[in-house]
């Protein structure tokens, strides 16, 4: 019965589709088996690096003014007096149980609570920054790729991609703040939402989305106004990657045999661009999403610190300065899990939509 059903499925949908789906399943299984190894590597490296850096978390908590007996008692309470191997094994045991630990600098507050509180701001900034990067990069790449290489637009696209990729994000962020906020007063500084205003209250913690769900257009405008400059800074730095990829793929698509054949049949250039060249040019962009995740994460940390954005990346920066081991480890592990999961989904999506990918 099972063999008959499989044969009927092959006859109905085609053996190639079934074989392709089996390849994707095998590929997904391999990535899932590799994911725990990647996460264990991240956990181990972060654990060792934190303890190799100068500084004592007990001194960070007490400020170096407490008596030696008090410091030693806290060190015993936190388990910092134990051998490094015992600390490592205990931490792995907590992770297996889903326990990310408790903050050293905020007694009684778990790392899970910290992540829940600060994550929405990071998600909002990351999504907005990625939208700016993808929209600007794909749009410019489509325009410049459709022009001759010697044209001013094509040359301008090349310069833009090089400059946006090379410019330091923190320098661009400070420059835009001095220019657009301090100089012209167009954008606010240092806050996600004004203290004198009632912040949007909703189930997601995303101010833009919660304002939309509540139909509060005033809160929506304020949230977008405060989000605009940080997301623009992050998006500008990442947009060069998309511009270059789309420009190269569009230019290669115009030289494809299928486009030449369509031109010979009298199909208008606009139809060719939107229905033949662009869909094929966007396939590598989907693959680029996986590479952009790491850049987006690193850029979010720099952006949040530069703009004092109250997100998870900024909280990670503060925890590093305070030698808050559990908070740093918990946030890094959480971000690593997010990156690994999204990378697997993007890889599988790329393999599914692009038959040329060999699994």
Protein backbone atom coordinates (compact mmCIF):
# COMPACT_ATOMS: atom_id res chain seq x y z
CA UNK A 1 0.00 0.00 0.00
CA UNK A 2 2.80 2.42 0.85
CA UNK A 3 4.67 1.54 -2.33
CA UNK A 4 1.50 2.03 -4.39
CA UNK A 5 0.89 5.44 -2.80
CA UNK A 6 4.46 6.52 -3.46
CA UNK A 7 4.22 5.36 -7.09
CA UNK A 8 0.94 7.22 -7.52
CA UNK A 9 2.53 10.37 -6.05
CA UNK A 10 5.44 10.06 -8.47
CA UNK A 11 3.09 9.64 -11.43
CA UNK A 12 0.97 12.59 -10.33
CA UNK A 13 3.65 15.13 -9.50
CA UNK A 14 6.65 13.78 -11.34
CA UNK A 15 9.56 11.74 -10.08
CA UNK A 16 11.89 14.72 -10.34
CA UNK A 17 9.80 16.72 -7.87
CA UNK A 18 9.69 13.81 -5.43
CA UNK A 19 13.45 13.28 -5.75
CA UNK A 20 14.05 16.98 -5.24
CA UNK A 21 11.93 16.96 -2.09
CA UNK A 22 13.87 13.96 -0.74
CA UNK A 23 17.13 15.81 -1.39
CA UNK A 24 15.84 18.83 0.54
CA UNK A 25 14.79 16.58 3.43
CA UNK A 26 18.25 14.98 3.56
CA UNK A 27 19.88 18.39 3.40
CA UNK A 28 17.67 19.70 6.20
CA UNK A 29 18.47 16.65 8.33
CA UNK A 30 22.18 17.23 7.85
CA UNK A 31 21.90 20.88 8.86
CA UNK A 32 19.83 19.99 11.92
CA UNK A 33 22.43 17.47 13.04
CA UNK A 34 25.18 20.06 12.57
CA UNK A 35 23.32 22.83 14.46
CA UNK A 36 24.02 21.48 18.01
CA UNK A 37 27.74 21.28 17.20
CA UNK A 38 27.74 24.90 16.03
CA UNK A 39 25.89 26.05 19.15
CA UNK A 40 28.19 24.07 21.44
CA UNK A 41 31.18 25.72 19.76
CA UNK A 42 29.71 29.18 20.30
CA UNK A 43 28.91 28.43 23.94
CA UNK A 44 32.41 27.11 24.62
CA UNK A 45 34.21 29.98 22.91
CA UNK A 46 32.13 32.64 24.69
CA UNK A 47 32.59 30.89 28.06
CA UNK A 48 36.37 30.78 27.70
CA UNK A 49 36.74 34.29 26.27
CA UNK A 50 34.77 35.85 29.11
CA UNK A 51 36.98 34.24 31.71
CA UNK A 52 40.16 35.06 29.82
CA UNK A 53 39.44 38.78 29.69
CA UNK A 54 40.76 41.00 32.50
CA UNK A 55 38.34 42.01 35.24
CA UNK A 56 36.39 40.40 38.04
CA UNK A 57 32.54 40.38 38.06
CA UNK A 58 32.61 40.68 41.85
CA UNK A 59 34.57 43.92 41.57
CA UNK A 60 32.11 45.10 38.91
CA UNK A 61 29.21 44.45 41.29
CA UNK A 62 30.74 46.03 44.40
CA UNK A 63 32.88 48.61 42.63
CA UNK A 64 36.06 47.43 44.35
CA UNK A 65 35.15 49.00 47.71
CA UNK A 66 33.78 45.97 49.57
CA UNK A 67 35.85 44.05 52.16
CA UNK A 68 37.72 40.99 50.96
CA UNK A 69 35.50 38.68 53.06
CA UNK A 70 32.34 40.01 51.41
CA UNK A 71 33.84 39.60 47.98
CA UNK A 72 34.91 36.06 48.70
CA UNK A 73 31.45 35.17 50.03
CA UNK A 74 29.83 36.45 46.83
CA UNK A 75 32.39 34.61 44.72
CA UNK A 76 31.48 31.37 46.51
CA UNK A 77 27.77 32.10 46.12
CA UNK A 78 28.18 32.61 42.38
CA UNK A 79 30.35 29.53 41.99
CA UNK A 80 33.32 31.54 40.73
CA UNK A 81 35.62 29.87 43.28
CA UNK A 82 35.25 26.49 41.60
CA UNK A 83 37.66 25.16 38.95
CA UNK A 84 37.02 26.34 35.41
CA UNK A 85 35.98 22.87 34.25
CA UNK A 86 33.37 22.58 36.99
CA UNK A 87 31.97 26.01 36.08
CA UNK A 88 31.81 24.96 32.44
CA UNK A 89 30.05 21.66 33.15
CA UNK A 90 27.58 23.34 35.47
CA UNK A 91 26.79 25.95 32.83
CA UNK A 92 26.26 23.29 30.16
CA UNK A 93 23.91 21.47 32.50
CA UNK A 94 21.89 24.64 33.01
CA UNK A 95 21.68 25.22 29.26
CA UNK A 96 20.44 21.69 28.62
CA UNK A 97 17.65 22.38 31.11
CA UNK A 98 16.81 25.65 29.31
CA UNK A 99 18.17 27.80 32.16
CA UNK A 100 20.18 30.78 30.87
CA UNK A 101 21.11 31.87 34.39
CA UNK A 102 20.53 34.95 36.53
CA UNK A 103 22.08 38.35 36.02
CA UNK A 104 24.94 39.27 38.32
CA UNK A 105 24.31 43.00 38.12
CA UNK A 106 20.52 42.72 38.47
CA UNK A 107 20.01 40.26 41.34
CA UNK A 108 16.85 38.21 41.04
CA UNK A 109 16.34 38.94 37.34
CA UNK A 110 16.83 36.02 35.02
CA UNK A 111 18.55 36.32 31.66
CA UNK A 112 15.35 35.08 30.03
CA UNK A 113 13.47 38.08 31.47
CA UNK A 114 16.19 40.43 30.16
CA UNK A 115 15.93 38.94 26.67
CA UNK A 116 12.15 39.23 26.71
CA UNK A 117 12.32 42.87 27.78
CA UNK A 118 14.99 44.06 25.33
CA UNK A 119 14.37 41.84 22.30
CA UNK A 120 11.43 43.78 20.74
CA UNK A 121 13.52 46.93 20.28
CA UNK A 122 16.25 44.93 18.52
CA UNK A 123 13.75 43.11 16.31
CA UNK A 124 12.12 46.38 15.32
CA UNK A 125 15.45 47.99 14.47
CA UNK A 126 16.69 44.91 12.61
CA UNK A 127 13.55 44.50 10.50
CA UNK A 128 13.45 48.21 9.65
CA UNK A 129 17.17 48.30 8.83
CA UNK A 130 16.88 45.19 6.68
CA UNK A 131 13.90 46.69 4.87
CA UNK A 132 15.90 49.82 4.07
CA UNK A 133 18.89 47.75 2.93
CA UNK A 134 16.88 45.38 0.75
CA UNK A 135 14.63 48.06 -0.73
CA UNK A 136 17.41 50.51 -1.49
CA UNK A 137 19.91 47.88 -2.60
CA UNK A 138 17.55 45.92 -4.85
CA UNK A 139 16.11 49.11 -6.35
CA UNK A 140 19.50 50.61 -7.14
CA UNK A 141 20.82 47.28 -8.39
CA UNK A 142 17.87 46.93 -10.74
CA UNK A 143 18.39 50.44 -12.13
CA UNK A 144 22.18 50.28 -12.48
CA UNK A 145 22.17 46.72 -13.82
CA UNK A 146 19.83 47.71 -16.63
CA UNK A 147 22.19 50.44 -17.84
CA UNK A 148 25.45 50.09 -19.80
CA UNK A 149 28.53 49.62 -17.63
CA UNK A 150 30.02 52.91 -18.81
CA UNK A 151 26.91 54.95 -18.02
CA UNK A 152 26.95 57.44 -15.11
CA UNK A 153 24.24 55.48 -13.28
CA UNK A 154 26.18 52.22 -13.46
CA UNK A 155 29.38 53.91 -12.29
CA UNK A 156 27.47 55.61 -9.50
CA UNK A 157 26.08 52.24 -8.39
CA UNK A 158 29.58 50.80 -8.17
CA UNK A 159 30.80 53.75 -6.12
CA UNK A 160 27.79 53.53 -3.81
CA UNK A 161 28.27 49.82 -3.13
CA UNK A 162 31.98 50.30 -2.37
CA UNK A 163 31.48 53.30 -0.11
CA UNK A 164 28.52 51.85 1.79
CA UNK A 165 30.41 48.61 2.42
CA UNK A 166 33.61 50.35 3.54
CA UNK A 167 32.25 53.18 5.67
CA UNK A 168 32.38 52.51 9.45
CA UNK A 169 28.86 52.21 10.80
CA UNK A 170 29.58 54.10 14.02
CA UNK A 171 31.14 56.97 12.07
CA UNK A 172 28.16 57.18 9.72
CA UNK A 173 25.78 57.05 12.69
CA UNK A 174 27.54 59.90 14.50
CA UNK A 175 27.74 61.93 11.30
CA UNK A 176 24.02 61.55 10.58
CA UNK A 177 23.18 62.44 14.18
CA UNK A 178 25.30 65.60 14.02
CA UNK A 179 23.88 66.54 10.66
CA UNK A 180 20.20 65.53 10.79
CA UNK A 181 19.52 65.66 14.54
CA UNK A 182 21.80 68.25 16.12
CA UNK A 183 22.21 70.47 13.07
CA UNK A 184 18.78 70.40 11.45
CA UNK A 185 16.69 68.94 14.26
CA UNK A 186 14.84 66.50 12.03
CA UNK A 187 15.19 63.41 14.22
CA UNK A 188 15.30 62.80 17.99
CA UNK A 189 18.33 61.42 19.79
CA UNK A 190 18.94 58.69 22.35
CA UNK A 191 15.42 57.35 22.94
CA UNK A 192 13.04 54.85 21.40
CA UNK A 193 9.95 56.76 22.53
CA UNK A 194 9.61 60.11 24.37
CA UNK A 195 9.38 59.83 28.15
CA UNK A 196 6.59 62.40 28.25
CA UNK A 197 4.46 60.31 25.89
CA UNK A 198 2.57 57.10 26.64
CA UNK A 199 4.39 54.27 24.86
CA UNK A 200 2.33 51.78 22.83
CA UNK A 201 1.18 48.85 24.93
CA UNK A 202 0.54 45.65 23.05
CA UNK A 203 1.22 41.92 22.89
CA UNK A 204 4.35 42.13 20.73
CA UNK A 205 6.38 44.92 22.32
CA UNK A 206 7.04 46.28 18.82
CA UNK A 207 5.93 49.90 18.99
CA UNK A 208 5.18 50.22 15.27
CA UNK A 209 3.14 47.02 15.11
CA UNK A 210 1.34 47.62 18.41
CA UNK A 211 0.39 51.12 17.26
CA UNK A 212 -1.01 49.69 14.03
CA UNK A 213 -2.98 47.03 15.88
CA UNK A 214 -4.43 49.66 18.23
CA UNK A 215 -5.13 52.10 15.39
CA UNK A 216 -3.27 54.84 17.24
CA UNK A 217 -1.80 56.90 14.41
CA UNK A 218 -0.17 59.43 16.73
CA UNK A 219 1.86 56.73 18.48
CA UNK A 220 2.67 55.19 15.10
CA UNK A 221 4.07 58.47 13.81
CA UNK A 222 6.16 59.00 16.93
CA UNK A 223 7.51 55.43 16.83
CA UNK A 224 8.46 55.71 13.14
CA UNK A 225 10.05 59.11 13.73
CA UNK A 226 12.34 57.71 16.44
CA UNK A 227 13.08 54.55 14.45
CA UNK A 228 13.88 56.30 11.16
CA UNK A 229 17.47 57.48 11.72
CA UNK A 230 18.91 54.31 13.36
CA UNK A 231 17.28 52.05 10.76
CA UNK A 232 18.43 54.34 7.93
CA UNK A 233 22.02 54.17 9.21
CA UNK A 234 21.97 50.39 9.50
CA UNK A 235 20.25 49.99 6.13
CA UNK A 236 22.66 52.25 4.27
CA UNK A 237 25.68 50.24 5.39
CA UNK A 238 24.11 46.92 4.35
CA UNK A 239 22.47 48.12 1.12
CA UNK A 240 25.73 48.00 -0.86
CA UNK A 241 25.77 44.18 -0.63
CA UNK A 242 22.32 43.93 -2.20
CA UNK A 243 23.07 46.57 -4.84
CA UNK A 244 26.17 44.80 -6.07
CA UNK A 245 24.55 41.35 -6.11
CA UNK A 246 21.43 42.50 -7.96
CA UNK A 247 23.43 44.67 -10.41
CA UNK A 248 25.69 41.76 -11.38
CA UNK A 249 22.81 39.31 -11.70
CA UNK A 250 20.62 41.68 -13.72
CA UNK A 251 23.47 42.43 -16.11
CA UNK A 252 24.14 38.71 -16.50
CA UNK A 253 20.43 38.08 -17.04
CA UNK A 254 20.25 40.54 -19.92
CA UNK A 255 22.97 38.52 -21.63
CA UNK A 256 21.17 35.20 -21.13
CA UNK A 257 20.07 33.07 -24.05
CA UNK A 258 16.47 32.99 -22.86
CA UNK A 259 16.35 36.81 -22.90
CA UNK A 260 17.83 36.94 -26.40
CA UNK A 261 15.22 34.44 -27.58
CA UNK A 262 12.44 36.47 -25.97
CA UNK A 263 13.74 39.64 -27.61
CA UNK A 264 13.68 37.89 -30.97
CA UNK A 265 9.99 37.14 -30.40
CA UNK A 266 9.32 40.85 -29.92
CA UNK A 267 8.66 40.85 -26.16
CA UNK A 268 8.98 44.41 -24.76
CA UNK A 269 12.04 45.19 -22.60
CA UNK A 270 9.88 46.13 -19.59
CA UNK A 271 8.16 42.75 -19.62
CA UNK A 272 11.52 41.00 -19.97
CA UNK A 273 12.93 42.88 -16.99
CA UNK A 274 10.09 42.18 -14.56
CA UNK A 275 9.11 38.66 -15.65
CA UNK A 276 12.40 37.09 -16.77
CA UNK A 277 15.49 38.99 -15.60
CA UNK A 278 14.40 40.11 -12.13
CA UNK A 279 13.04 36.76 -10.81
CA UNK A 280 16.31 35.03 -11.70
CA UNK A 281 18.36 37.90 -10.29
CA UNK A 282 16.59 37.67 -6.92
CA UNK A 283 17.51 34.02 -6.36
CA UNK A 284 21.07 34.87 -5.20
CA UNK A 285 19.60 37.63 -3.04
CA UNK A 286 17.73 34.98 -1.04
CA UNK A 287 21.03 33.16 -0.53
CA UNK A 288 22.58 36.48 0.50
CA UNK A 289 20.09 36.74 3.36
CA UNK A 290 22.00 34.09 5.31
CA UNK A 291 25.25 36.02 4.96
CA UNK A 292 23.50 39.27 5.86
CA UNK A 293 22.25 37.89 9.18
CA UNK A 294 25.71 38.02 10.76
CA UNK A 295 26.32 41.53 9.37
CA UNK A 296 22.89 42.59 10.56
CA UNK A 297 23.60 41.30 14.06
CA UNK A 298 26.99 43.01 14.26
CA UNK A 299 25.56 46.17 12.77
CA UNK A 300 22.69 46.15 15.26
CA UNK A 301 25.15 46.09 18.16
CA UNK A 302 27.10 49.08 16.82
CA UNK A 303 23.91 50.93 15.86
CA UNK A 304 22.26 50.45 19.23
CA UNK A 305 25.34 51.62 21.09
CA UNK A 306 25.82 54.60 18.76
CA UNK A 307 22.18 55.71 19.05
CA UNK A 308 21.65 54.54 22.67
CA UNK A 309 18.86 52.34 21.33
CA UNK A 310 17.40 50.27 24.23
CA UNK A 311 17.72 46.90 22.52
CA UNK A 312 19.21 43.53 23.29
CA UNK A 313 22.51 44.33 21.57
CA UNK A 314 22.99 47.46 23.69
CA UNK A 315 22.18 45.44 26.81
CA UNK A 316 24.82 42.92 25.72
CA UNK A 317 27.37 45.72 25.42
CA UNK A 318 26.55 46.91 28.94
CA UNK A 319 26.82 43.37 30.32
CA UNK A 320 30.26 42.95 28.74
CA UNK A 321 31.49 46.15 30.40
CA UNK A 322 30.10 45.00 33.76
CA UNK A 323 31.55 41.47 33.42
CA UNK A 324 28.05 40.04 33.85
CA UNK A 325 28.94 36.52 32.73
CA UNK A 326 25.46 34.91 32.75
CA UNK A 327 23.86 37.80 30.87
CA UNK A 328 26.56 37.88 28.19
CA UNK A 329 26.50 34.11 27.76
CA UNK A 330 22.71 33.92 27.70
CA UNK A 331 22.26 36.70 25.14
CA UNK A 332 25.00 35.34 22.88
CA UNK A 333 23.55 31.82 23.02
CA UNK A 334 20.09 33.15 22.24
CA UNK A 335 21.36 35.18 19.28
CA UNK A 336 23.35 32.20 18.05
CA UNK A 337 20.23 30.03 18.10
CA UNK A 338 18.33 32.68 16.13
CA UNK A 339 21.08 32.97 13.52
CA UNK A 340 21.41 29.18 13.13
CA UNK A 341 17.66 28.63 12.76
CA UNK A 342 17.23 31.47 10.26
CA UNK A 343 20.28 30.33 8.30
CA UNK A 344 18.87 26.82 7.99
CA UNK A 345 15.51 28.15 6.83
CA UNK A 346 17.14 30.41 4.26
CA UNK A 347 19.39 27.62 2.96
CA UNK A 348 16.43 25.28 2.56
CA UNK A 349 14.41 28.02 0.85
CA UNK A 350 17.28 28.69 -1.54
CA UNK A 351 17.62 25.01 -2.36
CA UNK A 352 13.87 24.73 -2.92
CA UNK A 353 13.48 27.70 -5.29
CA UNK A 354 16.77 27.21 -7.18
CA UNK A 355 17.08 23.77 -8.83
CA UNK A 356 20.71 24.56 -9.72
CA UNK A 357 21.75 24.21 -6.06
CA UNK A 358 23.33 20.79 -5.56
CA UNK A 359 22.33 19.33 -2.23
